[in-house]
Amino acid sequence: MSNDLNVDLFEAVSKSGYYPEVVAAGLNDALADERVVDYVLHHEPTFDRDEVRRHMTVLVLTNSRLVLVHTDEHPPDELLTKPYTSTTSEAVPVSSVKSVVVTRMVTEKSKAPVEAVMTISWGAVSRLDLEPANCGDPDCEADHGYTGNIAGDDFTLRLSATADGGAAVQRLLAFARSLSSRTAHGASAGLR
């Protein structure tokens, strides 16, 4: 892909107005001069008691890696007496991505998705959902232990047309297609 996507990405970060220099520095370091194949950016306010805190998540796909950069806004605390930001980056080899799960929500009236959720798993974090097991006998009082599922849950991003705009939902879906394509090509090329 062209270097234009690198420019587009940094322009989108700048237009967000959310600590653009801090976010761009985190991206620059994490990208390590790799070319951007695709990206999605999510800037979201959250409510913390009587204050609004913002955070931004940027997902970038390169030819070889999935790069995640997350920046949070923090109030003063015991160590830092003024408000501050923290930026965390993670770079995952595309060959390590185990699954890309996409859920689309479409209403009866809409033809395009009004919300999308993408969950990416590469094996760093798993979620265990347990519930009491039963034998099917409604009168049974025996303890049958627990049953459950283990699901990969490394990263989830949800965008909605109402909060983020329809274009943001489409961008998330396009990113998911790009990532899925890269993981499929990686597996067929013997990169896994």
N, C-alpha and C. Protein backbone atom coordinates (compact mmCIF):
# COMPACT_ATOMS: atom_id res chain seq x y z
N MET A 1 0.84 -1.19 0.00
CA MET A 1 0.00 0.00 0.00
C MET A 1 0.88 1.24 0.00
N SER A 2 0.28 2.32 -0.36
CA SER A 2 1.06 3.54 -0.49
C SER A 2 1.34 4.18 0.85
N ASN A 3 2.32 5.04 0.85
CA ASN A 3 2.68 5.79 2.02
C ASN A 3 1.62 6.83 2.37
N ASP A 4 0.64 7.04 1.45
CA ASP A 4 -0.44 8.00 1.71
C ASP A 4 -1.23 7.64 2.96
N LEU A 5 -1.36 6.34 3.24
CA LEU A 5 -2.09 5.95 4.45
C LEU A 5 -1.34 6.38 5.71
N ASN A 6 -0.01 6.39 5.68
CA ASN A 6 0.74 6.91 6.82
C ASN A 6 0.37 8.37 7.05
N VAL A 7 0.33 9.14 5.97
CA VAL A 7 -0.03 10.56 6.06
C VAL A 7 -1.46 10.70 6.55
N ASP A 8 -2.39 9.91 5.97
CA ASP A 8 -3.81 9.96 6.38
C ASP A 8 -3.97 9.66 7.87
N LEU A 9 -3.24 8.67 8.35
CA LEU A 9 -3.32 8.29 9.75
C LEU A 9 -2.92 9.45 10.65
N PHE A 10 -1.78 10.06 10.37
CA PHE A 10 -1.31 11.14 11.23
C PHE A 10 -2.17 12.40 11.10
N GLU A 11 -2.78 12.61 9.93
CA GLU A 11 -3.74 13.70 9.78
C GLU A 11 -4.98 13.44 10.62
N ALA A 12 -5.46 12.20 10.64
CA ALA A 12 -6.63 11.85 11.45
C ALA A 12 -6.34 12.05 12.94
N VAL A 13 -5.14 11.67 13.37
CA VAL A 13 -4.74 11.88 14.77
C VAL A 13 -4.73 13.38 15.07
N SER A 14 -4.18 14.18 14.17
CA SER A 14 -4.11 15.63 14.38
C SER A 14 -5.51 16.24 14.43
N LYS A 15 -6.40 15.81 13.52
CA LYS A 15 -7.76 16.36 13.48
C LYS A 15 -8.57 16.00 14.72
N SER A 16 -8.22 14.91 15.37
CA SER A 16 -8.98 14.50 16.56
C SER A 16 -8.84 15.54 17.67
N GLY A 17 -7.71 16.24 17.69
CA GLY A 17 -7.48 17.26 18.71
C GLY A 17 -7.16 16.70 20.08
N TYR A 18 -7.03 15.42 20.20
CA TYR A 18 -6.76 14.79 21.49
C TYR A 18 -5.27 14.50 21.62
N TYR A 19 -4.55 15.39 22.27
CA TYR A 19 -3.11 15.25 22.47
C TYR A 19 -2.42 14.71 21.21
N PRO A 20 -2.56 15.37 20.08
CA PRO A 20 -2.05 14.82 18.83
C PRO A 20 -0.55 14.54 18.85
N GLU A 21 0.23 15.37 19.53
CA GLU A 21 1.68 15.14 19.56
C GLU A 21 2.01 13.88 20.36
N VAL A 22 1.29 13.67 21.45
CA VAL A 22 1.53 12.51 22.31
C VAL A 22 1.14 11.23 21.58
N VAL A 23 -0.05 11.23 20.97
CA VAL A 23 -0.53 10.05 20.25
C VAL A 23 0.39 9.77 19.06
N ALA A 24 0.76 10.81 18.32
CA ALA A 24 1.64 10.63 17.15
C ALA A 24 3.01 10.08 17.56
N ALA A 25 3.54 10.54 18.69
CA ALA A 25 4.83 10.04 19.16
C ALA A 25 4.73 8.55 19.49
N GLY A 26 3.65 8.15 20.15
CA GLY A 26 3.45 6.74 20.46
C GLY A 26 3.33 5.90 19.20
N LEU A 27 2.61 6.42 18.21
CA LEU A 27 2.47 5.72 16.93
C LEU A 27 3.80 5.61 16.20
N ASN A 28 4.53 6.72 16.15
CA ASN A 28 5.84 6.71 15.47
C ASN A 28 6.76 5.64 16.06
N ASP A 29 6.82 5.59 17.38
CA ASP A 29 7.69 4.61 18.02
C ASP A 29 7.22 3.19 17.74
N ALA A 30 5.92 2.95 17.84
CA ALA A 30 5.39 1.59 17.66
C ALA A 30 5.47 1.13 16.20
N LEU A 31 5.28 2.05 15.26
CA LEU A 31 5.31 1.67 13.85
C LEU A 31 6.72 1.36 13.35
N ALA A 32 7.71 1.98 13.94
CA ALA A 32 9.10 1.71 13.57
C ALA A 32 9.31 1.80 12.06
N ASP A 33 8.80 2.86 11.45
CA ASP A 33 8.96 3.14 10.01
C ASP A 33 8.26 2.16 9.07
N GLU A 34 7.38 1.30 9.60
CA GLU A 34 6.63 0.41 8.71
C GLU A 34 5.52 1.19 8.03
N ARG A 35 5.14 0.73 6.86
CA ARG A 35 4.06 1.36 6.11
C ARG A 35 2.71 0.89 6.62
N VAL A 36 1.77 1.81 6.66
CA VAL A 36 0.42 1.53 7.11
C VAL A 36 -0.37 0.88 5.98
N VAL A 37 -0.97 -0.27 6.26
CA VAL A 37 -1.84 -0.96 5.31
C VAL A 37 -3.28 -0.52 5.54
N ASP A 38 -3.66 -0.38 6.83
CA ASP A 38 -5.00 0.07 7.19
C ASP A 38 -4.95 0.56 8.63
N TYR A 39 -5.96 1.34 9.01
CA TYR A 39 -6.02 1.81 10.39
C TYR A 39 -7.46 2.15 10.76
N VAL A 40 -7.70 2.19 12.06
CA VAL A 40 -8.96 2.69 12.60
C VAL A 40 -8.62 3.44 13.88
N LEU A 41 -9.29 4.55 14.08
CA LEU A 41 -9.03 5.43 15.20
C LEU A 41 -10.33 5.62 15.96
N HIS A 42 -10.28 5.53 17.28
CA HIS A 42 -11.49 5.72 18.10
C HIS A 42 -11.17 6.65 19.25
N HIS A 43 -11.83 7.81 19.25
CA HIS A 43 -11.66 8.82 20.29
C HIS A 43 -12.96 8.82 21.08
N GLU A 44 -12.86 8.53 22.39
CA GLU A 44 -14.07 8.36 23.17
C GLU A 44 -13.98 9.07 24.52
N PRO A 45 -15.00 9.85 24.86
CA PRO A 45 -15.06 10.42 26.21
C PRO A 45 -15.69 9.40 27.17
N THR A 46 -15.24 9.41 28.40
CA THR A 46 -15.86 8.60 29.45
C THR A 46 -16.13 9.50 30.63
N PHE A 47 -17.09 9.12 31.45
CA PHE A 47 -17.46 9.95 32.59
C PHE A 47 -16.87 9.36 33.85
N ASP A 48 -16.13 10.21 34.60
CA ASP A 48 -15.48 9.83 35.83
C ASP A 48 -15.98 10.77 36.92
N ARG A 49 -17.01 10.31 37.62
CA ARG A 49 -17.70 11.14 38.62
C ARG A 49 -18.22 12.41 37.95
N ASP A 50 -17.72 13.61 38.34
CA ASP A 50 -18.22 14.85 37.73
C ASP A 50 -17.35 15.34 36.58
N GLU A 51 -16.39 14.55 36.16
CA GLU A 51 -15.49 14.98 35.10
C GLU A 51 -15.59 14.09 33.88
N VAL A 52 -15.25 14.66 32.74
CA VAL A 52 -15.18 13.88 31.52
C VAL A 52 -13.71 13.58 31.25
N ARG A 53 -13.41 12.31 31.06
CA ARG A 53 -12.06 11.89 30.70
C ARG A 53 -12.14 11.34 29.28
N ARG A 54 -11.11 11.56 28.55
CA ARG A 54 -11.10 11.07 27.17
C ARG A 54 -10.01 10.03 27.00
N HIS A 55 -10.22 9.18 26.02
CA HIS A 55 -9.15 8.27 25.63
C HIS A 55 -9.24 8.01 24.14
N MET A 56 -8.12 7.60 23.60
CA MET A 56 -8.06 7.32 22.17
C MET A 56 -7.36 6.00 21.95
N THR A 57 -7.96 5.22 21.06
CA THR A 57 -7.36 3.96 20.64
C THR A 57 -7.11 4.03 19.15
N VAL A 58 -5.91 3.66 18.74
CA VAL A 58 -5.56 3.62 17.32
C VAL A 58 -5.06 2.21 17.02
N LEU A 59 -5.70 1.56 16.05
CA LEU A 59 -5.26 0.25 15.57
C LEU A 59 -4.66 0.45 14.20
N VAL A 60 -3.48 -0.09 13.99
CA VAL A 60 -2.81 0.05 12.71
C VAL A 60 -2.37 -1.33 12.24
N LEU A 61 -2.63 -1.60 10.98
CA LEU A 61 -2.19 -2.84 10.37
C LEU A 61 -1.05 -2.51 9.42
N THR A 62 0.07 -3.20 9.60
CA THR A 62 1.20 -3.07 8.67
C THR A 62 1.30 -4.41 7.93
N ASN A 63 2.29 -4.56 7.09
CA ASN A 63 2.45 -5.83 6.39
C ASN A 63 2.73 -6.99 7.33
N SER A 64 3.34 -6.70 8.47
CA SER A 64 3.73 -7.80 9.35
C SER A 64 3.14 -7.74 10.76
N ARG A 65 2.59 -6.59 11.15
CA ARG A 65 2.16 -6.45 12.54
C ARG A 65 0.82 -5.75 12.68
N LEU A 66 0.18 -6.03 13.82
CA LEU A 66 -0.99 -5.29 14.29
C LEU A 66 -0.48 -4.42 15.43
N VAL A 67 -0.60 -3.11 15.28
CA VAL A 67 -0.10 -2.17 16.28
C VAL A 67 -1.30 -1.52 16.97
N LEU A 68 -1.31 -1.56 18.30
CA LEU A 68 -2.36 -0.94 19.10
C LEU A 68 -1.72 0.16 19.93
N VAL A 69 -2.28 1.35 19.87
CA VAL A 69 -1.79 2.46 20.68
C VAL A 69 -3.00 3.05 21.39
N HIS A 70 -2.92 3.12 22.71
CA HIS A 70 -4.02 3.62 23.52
C HIS A 70 -3.51 4.74 24.42
N THR A 71 -4.20 5.88 24.39
CA THR A 71 -3.82 7.03 25.20
C THR A 71 -4.99 7.39 26.12
N ASP A 72 -4.68 7.54 27.40
CA ASP A 72 -5.67 7.90 28.41
C ASP A 72 -5.32 9.22 29.06
N GLU A 73 -6.36 9.91 29.51
CA GLU A 73 -6.22 11.15 30.26
C GLU A 73 -6.43 10.81 31.74
N HIS A 74 -5.57 11.34 32.62
CA HIS A 74 -5.65 11.03 34.05
C HIS A 74 -5.71 12.30 34.89
N PRO A 75 -6.44 12.25 36.01
CA PRO A 75 -6.43 13.38 36.94
C PRO A 75 -5.13 13.36 37.75
N PRO A 76 -4.83 14.43 38.44
CA PRO A 76 -3.64 14.43 39.31
C PRO A 76 -3.75 13.30 40.33
N ASP A 77 -2.60 12.77 40.74
CA ASP A 77 -2.60 11.74 41.78
C ASP A 77 -1.43 11.99 42.73
N GLU A 78 -1.10 11.00 43.55
CA GLU A 78 -0.04 11.17 44.54
C GLU A 78 1.33 11.40 43.90
N LEU A 79 1.58 10.77 42.76
CA LEU A 79 2.89 10.88 42.11
C LEU A 79 2.99 12.08 41.17
N LEU A 80 1.93 12.32 40.41
CA LEU A 80 1.92 13.44 39.46
C LEU A 80 0.83 14.41 39.88
N THR A 81 1.24 15.60 40.24
CA THR A 81 0.30 16.56 40.84
C THR A 81 -0.50 17.36 39.82
N LYS A 82 -0.26 17.14 38.54
CA LYS A 82 -1.02 17.81 37.49
C LYS A 82 -1.65 16.74 36.59
N PRO A 83 -2.75 17.08 35.90
CA PRO A 83 -3.33 16.10 34.97
C PRO A 83 -2.27 15.64 33.97
N TYR A 84 -2.39 14.40 33.54
CA TYR A 84 -1.39 13.84 32.62
C TYR A 84 -2.04 12.80 31.71
N THR A 85 -1.28 12.39 30.70
CA THR A 85 -1.73 11.32 29.81
C THR A 85 -0.75 10.16 29.92
N SER A 86 -1.25 8.98 29.58
CA SER A 86 -0.38 7.82 29.45
C SER A 86 -0.68 7.16 28.11
N THR A 87 0.36 6.77 27.43
CA THR A 87 0.21 6.11 26.13
C THR A 87 0.86 4.74 26.21
N THR A 88 0.09 3.73 25.84
CA THR A 88 0.58 2.36 25.84
C THR A 88 0.50 1.83 24.42
N SER A 89 1.55 1.17 23.99
CA SER A 89 1.52 0.58 22.65
C SER A 89 1.86 -0.90 22.74
N GLU A 90 1.28 -1.65 21.83
CA GLU A 90 1.57 -3.07 21.72
C GLU A 90 1.65 -3.41 20.24
N ALA A 91 2.62 -4.19 19.88
CA ALA A 91 2.77 -4.64 18.50
C ALA A 91 2.73 -6.16 18.48
N VAL A 92 1.79 -6.69 17.72
CA VAL A 92 1.57 -8.13 17.65
C VAL A 92 1.86 -8.59 16.22
N PRO A 93 2.69 -9.61 16.04
CA PRO A 93 2.88 -10.12 14.68
C PRO A 93 1.55 -10.60 14.11
N VAL A 94 1.25 -10.25 12.87
CA VAL A 94 0.00 -10.68 12.25
C VAL A 94 -0.11 -12.20 12.29
N SER A 95 1.00 -12.88 12.18
CA SER A 95 0.98 -14.34 12.20
C SER A 95 0.52 -14.89 13.55
N SER A 96 0.52 -14.07 14.62
CA SER A 96 0.08 -14.51 15.94
C SER A 96 -1.42 -14.32 16.16
N VAL A 97 -2.07 -13.56 15.29
CA VAL A 97 -3.51 -13.32 15.47
C VAL A 97 -4.25 -14.63 15.24
N LYS A 98 -4.99 -15.04 16.27
CA LYS A 98 -5.70 -16.32 16.21
C LYS A 98 -7.12 -16.17 15.68
N SER A 99 -7.77 -15.05 15.98
CA SER A 99 -9.14 -14.86 15.48
C SER A 99 -9.49 -13.39 15.41
N VAL A 100 -10.38 -13.10 14.46
CA VAL A 100 -10.96 -11.77 14.30
C VAL A 100 -12.46 -12.00 14.29
N VAL A 101 -13.14 -11.54 15.33
CA VAL A 101 -14.58 -11.75 15.46
C VAL A 101 -15.26 -10.40 15.23
N VAL A 102 -16.22 -10.39 14.31
CA VAL A 102 -16.93 -9.15 13.99
C VAL A 102 -18.42 -9.37 14.17
N THR A 103 -19.05 -8.48 14.92
CA THR A 103 -20.50 -8.50 15.08
C THR A 103 -21.04 -7.21 14.50
N ARG A 104 -22.04 -7.32 13.61
CA ARG A 104 -22.68 -6.15 12.99
C ARG A 104 -24.12 -6.09 13.45
N MET A 105 -24.56 -4.89 13.79
CA MET A 105 -25.95 -4.69 14.16
C MET A 105 -26.61 -3.83 13.09
N VAL A 106 -27.71 -4.35 12.55
CA VAL A 106 -28.46 -3.66 11.51
C VAL A 106 -29.91 -3.62 11.97
N THR A 107 -30.54 -2.45 11.94
CA THR A 107 -31.95 -2.35 12.31
C THR A 107 -32.82 -2.66 11.11
N GLU A 108 -34.11 -2.82 11.35
CA GLU A 108 -35.05 -3.09 10.25
C GLU A 108 -35.03 -1.97 9.22
N LYS A 109 -34.87 -0.74 9.70
CA LYS A 109 -34.95 0.41 8.80
C LYS A 109 -33.63 0.73 8.11
N SER A 110 -32.53 0.32 8.71
CA SER A 110 -31.22 0.67 8.12
C SER A 110 -30.76 -0.44 7.19
N LYS A 111 -30.09 -0.06 6.16
CA LYS A 111 -29.49 -1.06 5.27
C LYS A 111 -28.03 -1.28 5.63
N ALA A 112 -27.39 -0.26 6.22
CA ALA A 112 -25.99 -0.35 6.62
C ALA A 112 -25.92 -0.64 8.12
N PRO A 113 -24.84 -1.27 8.58
CA PRO A 113 -24.69 -1.53 10.01
C PRO A 113 -24.71 -0.22 10.81
N VAL A 114 -25.45 -0.23 11.91
CA VAL A 114 -25.52 0.94 12.78
C VAL A 114 -24.54 0.81 13.94
N GLU A 115 -23.99 -0.39 14.10
CA GLU A 115 -23.00 -0.63 15.15
C GLU A 115 -22.17 -1.84 14.73
N ALA A 116 -20.92 -1.83 15.15
CA ALA A 116 -20.04 -2.98 14.88
C ALA A 116 -19.11 -3.16 16.08
N VAL A 117 -18.84 -4.42 16.37
CA VAL A 117 -17.91 -4.78 17.43
C VAL A 117 -16.90 -5.74 16.83
N MET A 118 -15.62 -5.43 17.05
CA MET A 118 -14.55 -6.29 16.56
C MET A 118 -13.73 -6.76 17.76
N THR A 119 -13.55 -8.06 17.89
CA THR A 119 -12.71 -8.63 18.94
C THR A 119 -11.56 -9.37 18.26
N ILE A 120 -10.36 -9.06 18.69
CA ILE A 120 -9.16 -9.68 18.12
C ILE A 120 -8.49 -10.48 19.22
N SER A 121 -8.11 -11.71 18.89
CA SER A 121 -7.45 -12.57 19.87
C SER A 121 -6.10 -13.02 19.32
N TRP A 122 -5.08 -12.91 20.14
CA TRP A 122 -3.76 -13.43 19.78
C TRP A 122 -3.18 -14.25 20.92
N GLY A 123 -4.01 -14.58 21.91
CA GLY A 123 -3.59 -15.51 22.95
C GLY A 123 -2.99 -14.90 24.20
N ALA A 124 -2.96 -13.59 24.30
CA ALA A 124 -2.38 -12.96 25.50
C ALA A 124 -3.38 -12.96 26.65
N VAL A 125 -4.67 -12.82 26.37
CA VAL A 125 -5.70 -12.73 27.40
C VAL A 125 -6.84 -13.68 27.03
N SER A 126 -7.31 -14.43 28.00
CA SER A 126 -8.47 -15.28 27.79
C SER A 126 -9.49 -14.98 28.87
N ARG A 127 -10.74 -15.18 28.53
CA ARG A 127 -11.84 -14.96 29.47
C ARG A 127 -12.47 -16.31 29.75
N LEU A 128 -12.74 -16.58 31.01
CA LEU A 128 -13.37 -17.82 31.43
C LEU A 128 -14.76 -17.49 31.94
N ASP A 129 -15.80 -18.01 31.28
CA ASP A 129 -17.18 -17.82 31.69
C ASP A 129 -17.68 -19.11 32.30
N LEU A 130 -17.99 -19.11 33.61
CA LEU A 130 -18.44 -20.30 34.31
C LEU A 130 -19.89 -20.15 34.74
N GLU A 131 -20.56 -21.30 34.81
CA GLU A 131 -21.91 -21.34 35.36
C GLU A 131 -22.09 -22.70 36.02
N PRO A 132 -23.00 -22.77 37.00
CA PRO A 132 -23.23 -24.06 37.64
C PRO A 132 -23.73 -25.10 36.63
N ALA A 133 -23.16 -26.30 36.71
CA ALA A 133 -23.58 -27.39 35.83
C ALA A 133 -24.81 -28.05 36.44
N ASN A 134 -25.62 -28.64 35.59
CA ASN A 134 -26.78 -29.39 36.10
C ASN A 134 -26.97 -30.64 35.26
N CYS A 135 -27.77 -31.54 35.78
CA CYS A 135 -27.98 -32.81 35.08
C CYS A 135 -29.27 -32.84 34.29
N GLY A 136 -30.06 -31.79 34.36
CA GLY A 136 -31.31 -31.74 33.62
C GLY A 136 -32.53 -32.17 34.44
N ASP A 137 -32.29 -32.78 35.60
CA ASP A 137 -33.39 -33.20 36.47
C ASP A 137 -33.78 -32.01 37.34
N PRO A 138 -34.99 -31.47 37.18
CA PRO A 138 -35.38 -30.28 37.95
C PRO A 138 -35.44 -30.52 39.45
N ASP A 139 -35.54 -31.77 39.90
CA ASP A 139 -35.62 -32.08 41.32
C ASP A 139 -34.26 -32.44 41.93
N CYS A 140 -33.23 -32.53 41.12
CA CYS A 140 -31.90 -32.91 41.59
C CYS A 140 -31.28 -31.78 42.40
N GLU A 141 -30.74 -32.15 43.58
CA GLU A 141 -30.09 -31.15 44.42
C GLU A 141 -28.59 -31.39 44.54
N ALA A 142 -28.07 -32.31 43.77
CA ALA A 142 -26.64 -32.63 43.83
C ALA A 142 -25.80 -31.50 43.23
N ASP A 143 -24.58 -31.41 43.74
CA ASP A 143 -23.63 -30.43 43.20
C ASP A 143 -22.92 -31.07 42.01
N HIS A 144 -23.15 -30.53 40.82
CA HIS A 144 -22.55 -31.07 39.60
C HIS A 144 -21.34 -30.28 39.15
N GLY A 145 -20.84 -29.40 40.02
CA GLY A 145 -19.67 -28.59 39.67
C GLY A 145 -20.05 -27.45 38.74
N TYR A 146 -19.10 -27.09 37.92
CA TYR A 146 -19.30 -25.96 37.01
C TYR A 146 -18.99 -26.36 35.58
N THR A 147 -19.56 -25.65 34.66
CA THR A 147 -19.26 -25.80 33.25
C THR A 147 -18.96 -24.41 32.70
N GLY A 148 -18.23 -24.34 31.62
CA GLY A 148 -17.93 -23.01 31.11
C GLY A 148 -17.21 -23.04 29.78
N ASN A 149 -16.85 -21.84 29.36
CA ASN A 149 -16.15 -21.64 28.10
C ASN A 149 -14.95 -20.74 28.32
N ILE A 150 -13.89 -21.03 27.58
CA ILE A 150 -12.74 -20.13 27.56
C ILE A 150 -12.74 -19.45 26.20
N ALA A 151 -12.69 -18.12 26.21
CA ALA A 151 -12.70 -17.38 24.96
C ALA A 151 -11.54 -16.40 24.93
N GLY A 152 -10.90 -16.28 23.78
CA GLY A 152 -9.85 -15.28 23.62
C GLY A 152 -10.47 -13.89 23.65
N ASP A 153 -9.84 -12.99 24.36
CA ASP A 153 -10.43 -11.67 24.53
C ASP A 153 -9.32 -10.64 24.70
N ASP A 154 -8.39 -10.59 23.76
CA ASP A 154 -7.26 -9.68 23.89
C ASP A 154 -7.64 -8.23 23.67
N PHE A 155 -8.52 -7.99 22.70
CA PHE A 155 -8.87 -6.60 22.39
C PHE A 155 -10.25 -6.54 21.75
N THR A 156 -11.08 -5.61 22.22
CA THR A 156 -12.41 -5.40 21.65
C THR A 156 -12.61 -3.92 21.40
N LEU A 157 -13.16 -3.60 20.23
CA LEU A 157 -13.49 -2.22 19.89
C LEU A 157 -14.92 -2.18 19.35
N ARG A 158 -15.73 -1.29 19.91
CA ARG A 158 -17.12 -1.13 19.50
C ARG A 158 -17.32 0.29 19.00
N LEU A 159 -17.90 0.42 17.81
CA LEU A 159 -18.23 1.72 17.26
C LEU A 159 -19.70 1.72 16.85
N SER A 160 -20.37 2.85 17.05
CA SER A 160 -21.77 2.95 16.66
C SER A 160 -21.97 4.19 15.80
N ALA A 161 -22.92 4.09 14.90
CA ALA A 161 -23.23 5.22 14.01
C ALA A 161 -23.73 6.41 14.82
N THR A 162 -24.47 6.15 15.88
CA THR A 162 -25.01 7.23 16.71
C THR A 162 -23.91 8.01 17.40
N ALA A 163 -22.97 7.32 18.01
CA ALA A 163 -21.91 7.99 18.78
C ALA A 163 -20.73 8.41 17.93
N ASP A 164 -20.36 7.58 16.93
CA ASP A 164 -19.11 7.79 16.20
C ASP A 164 -19.31 8.17 14.74
N GLY A 165 -20.53 7.97 14.23
CA GLY A 165 -20.80 8.25 12.82
C GLY A 165 -20.75 6.97 11.98
N GLY A 166 -21.55 6.95 10.95
CA GLY A 166 -21.61 5.79 10.07
C GLY A 166 -20.29 5.50 9.38
N ALA A 167 -19.53 6.55 9.05
CA ALA A 167 -18.24 6.35 8.39
C ALA A 167 -17.27 5.61 9.32
N ALA A 168 -17.34 5.88 10.63
CA ALA A 168 -16.46 5.20 11.59
C ALA A 168 -16.79 3.71 11.66
N VAL A 169 -18.08 3.38 11.62
CA VAL A 169 -18.49 1.97 11.63
C VAL A 169 -17.97 1.28 10.37
N GLN A 170 -18.11 1.93 9.22
CA GLN A 170 -17.62 1.35 7.97
C GLN A 170 -16.10 1.18 7.99
N ARG A 171 -15.40 2.14 8.61
CA ARG A 171 -13.93 2.04 8.70
C ARG A 171 -13.52 0.86 9.57
N LEU A 172 -14.26 0.64 10.67
CA LEU A 172 -13.96 -0.51 11.53
C LEU A 172 -14.18 -1.82 10.76
N LEU A 173 -15.26 -1.90 10.00
CA LEU A 173 -15.54 -3.10 9.22
C LEU A 173 -14.47 -3.31 8.14
N ALA A 174 -14.04 -2.23 7.51
CA ALA A 174 -12.98 -2.33 6.50
C ALA A 174 -11.68 -2.80 7.14
N PHE A 175 -11.37 -2.28 8.32
CA PHE A 175 -10.16 -2.69 9.04
C PHE A 175 -10.24 -4.19 9.36
N ALA A 176 -11.39 -4.64 9.84
CA ALA A 176 -11.57 -6.06 10.17
C ALA A 176 -11.36 -6.93 8.93
N ARG A 177 -11.87 -6.47 7.77
CA ARG A 177 -11.66 -7.22 6.52
C ARG A 177 -10.17 -7.29 6.18
N SER A 178 -9.47 -6.17 6.31
CA SER A 178 -8.03 -6.13 6.01
C SER A 178 -7.26 -7.08 6.93
N LEU A 179 -7.57 -7.02 8.22
CA LEU A 179 -6.88 -7.88 9.18
C LEU A 179 -7.20 -9.34 8.91
N SER A 180 -8.46 -9.66 8.66
CA SER A 180 -8.83 -11.04 8.36
C SER A 180 -8.11 -11.54 7.11
N SER A 181 -8.02 -10.68 6.11
CA SER A 181 -7.33 -11.05 4.88
C SER A 181 -5.85 -11.34 5.15
N ARG A 182 -5.22 -10.50 5.96
CA ARG A 182 -3.80 -10.69 6.28
C ARG A 182 -3.58 -11.97 7.05
N THR A 183 -4.48 -12.28 8.00
CA THR A 183 -4.29 -13.50 8.78
C THR A 183 -4.53 -14.72 7.90
N ALA A 184 -5.48 -14.65 6.97
CA ALA A 184 -5.73 -15.77 6.05
C ALA A 184 -4.54 -15.99 5.13
N HIS A 185 -3.97 -14.90 4.60
CA HIS A 185 -2.81 -15.03 3.72
C HIS A 185 -1.60 -15.53 4.48
N GLY A 186 -1.46 -15.08 5.72
CA GLY A 186 -0.34 -15.54 6.54
C GLY A 186 -0.41 -17.03 6.78
N ALA A 187 -1.63 -17.55 7.05
CA ALA A 187 -1.79 -18.98 7.31
C ALA A 187 -1.52 -19.79 6.04
N SER A 188 -2.00 -19.30 4.89
CA SER A 188 -1.82 -20.06 3.66
C SER A 188 -0.38 -19.99 3.16
N ALA A 189 0.34 -18.96 3.57
CA ALA A 189 1.73 -18.83 3.14
C ALA A 189 2.69 -19.55 4.09
N GLY A 190 2.11 -20.21 5.12
CA GLY A 190 2.95 -20.95 6.06
C GLY A 190 3.64 -20.05 7.06
N LEU A 191 3.09 -18.88 7.32
CA LEU A 191 3.70 -17.97 8.27
C LEU A 191 3.32 -18.30 9.71
N ARG A 192 2.39 -19.18 9.91
CA ARG A 192 1.96 -19.50 11.28
C ARG A 192 2.70 -20.67 11.82
